C-alpha atoms as a PDB file:
ATOM      1  CA  MET A   1      15.909  -0.713   7.356  1.00  0.00           C
ATOM      2  CA  LYS A   2      14.445  -1.926   4.078  1.00  0.00           C
ATOM      3  CA  ARG A   3      13.252   0.830   1.761  1.00  0.00           C
ATOM      4  CA  LYS A   4       9.773   0.577   0.262  1.00  0.00           C
ATOM      5  CA  ARG A   5       9.706   0.381  -3.526  1.00  0.00           C
ATOM      6  CA  PHE A   6       6.062   1.288  -4.017  1.00  0.00           C
ATOM      7  CA  SER A   7       3.895   4.037  -2.581  1.00  0.00           C
ATOM      8  CA  VAL A   8       0.381   3.294  -1.383  1.00  0.00           C
ATOM      9  CA  GLU A   9      -0.978   5.089  -4.448  1.00  0.00           C
ATOM     10  CA  GLN A  10       1.060   2.845  -6.754  1.00  0.00           C
ATOM     11  CA  ILE A  11      -0.135  -0.265  -4.916  1.00  0.00           C
ATOM     12  CA  VAL A  12      -3.777   0.768  -5.281  1.00  0.00           C
ATOM     13  CA  ALA A  13      -3.215   1.450  -8.991  1.00  0.00           C
ATOM     14  CA  VAL A  14      -1.839  -2.084  -9.435  1.00  0.00           C
ATOM     15  CA  LEU A  15      -4.848  -3.545  -7.618  1.00  0.00           C
ATOM     16  CA  LYS A  16      -7.217  -1.511  -9.796  1.00  0.00           C
ATOM     17  CA  GLN A  17      -5.688  -3.111 -12.889  1.00  0.00           C
ATOM     18  CA  ALA A  18      -6.570  -6.526 -11.491  1.00  0.00           C
ATOM     19  CA  GLU A  19     -10.112  -5.379 -10.702  1.00  0.00           C
ATOM     20  CA  LEU A  20     -10.508  -4.237 -14.307  1.00  0.00           C
ATOM     21  CA  GLY A  21      -9.786  -7.749 -15.538  1.00  0.00           C
ATOM     22  CA  MET A  22      -6.065  -7.828 -16.281  1.00  0.00           C
ATOM     23  CA  ALA A  23      -4.520 -11.211 -15.493  1.00  0.00           C
ATOM     24  CA  VAL A  24      -2.630 -11.359 -12.196  1.00  0.00           C
ATOM     25  CA  ALA A  25       0.302 -13.150 -13.842  1.00  0.00           C
ATOM     26  CA  ASP A  26       0.662 -10.296 -16.343  1.00  0.00           C
ATOM     27  CA  ILE A  27       0.439  -7.644 -13.632  1.00  0.00           C
ATOM     28  CA  ILE A  28       3.051  -9.179 -11.344  1.00  0.00           C
ATOM     29  CA  ARG A  29       5.442  -9.721 -14.250  1.00  0.00           C
ATOM     30  CA  GLN A  30       4.984  -6.133 -15.440  1.00  0.00           C
ATOM     31  CA  VAL A  31       5.394  -4.581 -11.974  1.00  0.00           C
ATOM     32  CA  GLY A  32       8.175  -6.937 -10.873  1.00  0.00           C
ATOM     33  CA  ILE A  33       6.608  -8.354  -7.709  1.00  0.00           C
ATOM     34  CA  SER A  34       5.844 -11.860  -6.493  1.00  0.00           C
ATOM     35  CA  GLU A  35       2.383 -13.364  -6.451  1.00  0.00           C
ATOM     36  CA  GLN A  36       2.597 -13.456  -2.657  1.00  0.00           C
ATOM     37  CA  THR A  37       3.246  -9.700  -2.551  1.00  0.00           C
ATOM     38  CA  PHE A  38       0.273  -9.046  -4.836  1.00  0.00           C
ATOM     39  CA  TYR A  39      -2.117 -10.986  -2.622  1.00  0.00           C
ATOM     40  CA  ARG A  40      -0.687  -9.382   0.530  1.00  0.00           C
ATOM     41  CA  TRP A  41      -1.354  -5.958  -1.011  1.00  0.00           C
ATOM     42  CA  LYS A  42      -4.821  -7.099  -2.013  1.00  0.00           C
ATOM     43  CA  LYS A  43      -5.576  -8.182   1.532  1.00  0.00           C
ATOM     44  CA  GLN A  44      -4.342  -4.885   2.983  1.00  0.00           C
ATOM     45  CA  TYR A  45      -5.457  -2.309   0.399  1.00  0.00           C
ATOM     46  CA  ALA A  46      -8.376  -3.878  -1.496  1.00  0.00           C
ATOM     47  CA  GLY A  47     -11.298  -1.555  -2.112  1.00  0.00           C
ATOM     48  CA  LEU A  48      -9.521   1.682  -1.206  1.00  0.00           C
ATOM     49  CA  GLN A  49     -10.309   4.823  -3.181  1.00  0.00           C
ATOM     50  CA  SER A  50      -7.829   7.661  -3.729  1.00  0.00           C
ATOM     51  CA  ASP A  51      -9.209   9.787  -0.862  1.00  0.00           C
ATOM     52  CA  GLN A  52      -9.024   6.810   1.494  1.00  0.00           C
ATOM     53  CA  VAL A  53      -5.423   6.184   0.409  1.00  0.00           C
ATOM     54  CA  ARG A  54      -4.469   9.730   1.354  1.00  0.00           C
ATOM     55  CA  GLU A  55      -6.173   9.352   4.737  1.00  0.00           C
ATOM     56  CA  LEU A  56      -4.452   6.019   5.397  1.00  0.00           C
ATOM     57  CA  LYS A  57      -1.073   7.473   4.478  1.00  0.00           C
ATOM     58  CA  GLN A  58      -1.645  10.455   6.770  1.00  0.00           C
ATOM     59  CA  LEU A  59      -2.575   8.175   9.684  1.00  0.00           C
ATOM     60  CA  GLN A  60       0.490   5.990   9.086  1.00  0.00           C
ATOM     61  CA  ASP A  61       2.735   9.070   9.037  1.00  0.00           C
ATOM     62  CA  GLU A  62       1.195  10.327  12.285  1.00  0.00           C
ATOM     63  CA  CYS A  63       1.717   6.938  13.885  1.00  0.00           C
ATOM     64  CA  GLN A  64       5.379   6.858  12.864  1.00  0.00           C
ATOM     65  CA  THR A  65       6.093  10.346  14.170  1.00  0.00           C
ATOM     66  CA  THR A  66       4.369   9.775  17.507  1.00  0.00           C
ATOM     67  CA  SER A  67       5.696   6.259  18.120  1.00  0.00           C
ATOM     68  CA  GLY A  68       9.186   7.545  18.846  1.00  0.00           C
ATOM     69  CA  THR A  69       8.083  10.084  21.457  1.00  0.00           C
ATOM     70  CA  ASP A  70       6.870   9.668  25.008  1.00  0.00           C
ATOM     71  CA  PRO A  71       3.210  10.759  25.160  1.00  0.00           C
ATOM     72  CA  LEU A  72       3.609  11.789  28.822  1.00  0.00           C
ATOM     73  CA  ALA A  73       6.568  14.049  28.133  1.00  0.00           C
ATOM     74  CA  THR A  74       4.538  16.936  26.669  1.00  0.00           C
END
C-alpha cells in the first residue's frame, strides 16, 4: 500500500499559504507536489481549522479500525 507523505495538518498548512496570497506555482514547487494534487487537497480540505483537522483525523482513524471488523461479532 502506498504510504502518505503528508499529514492532514501539513496539507492544511500548505492550503493556508495559498489563502494568504502565495502563488500556487511557488507553493507546489516548494512542497514538491503536482498542481493536480494541490487542487485535490483544496477540494477536500479547504476551509478546515486546526480543531476540525483533529476531528477529521480522529473520524478517519475510527473508520479504518472498524472497517476491518464485523459489527455483528461483538
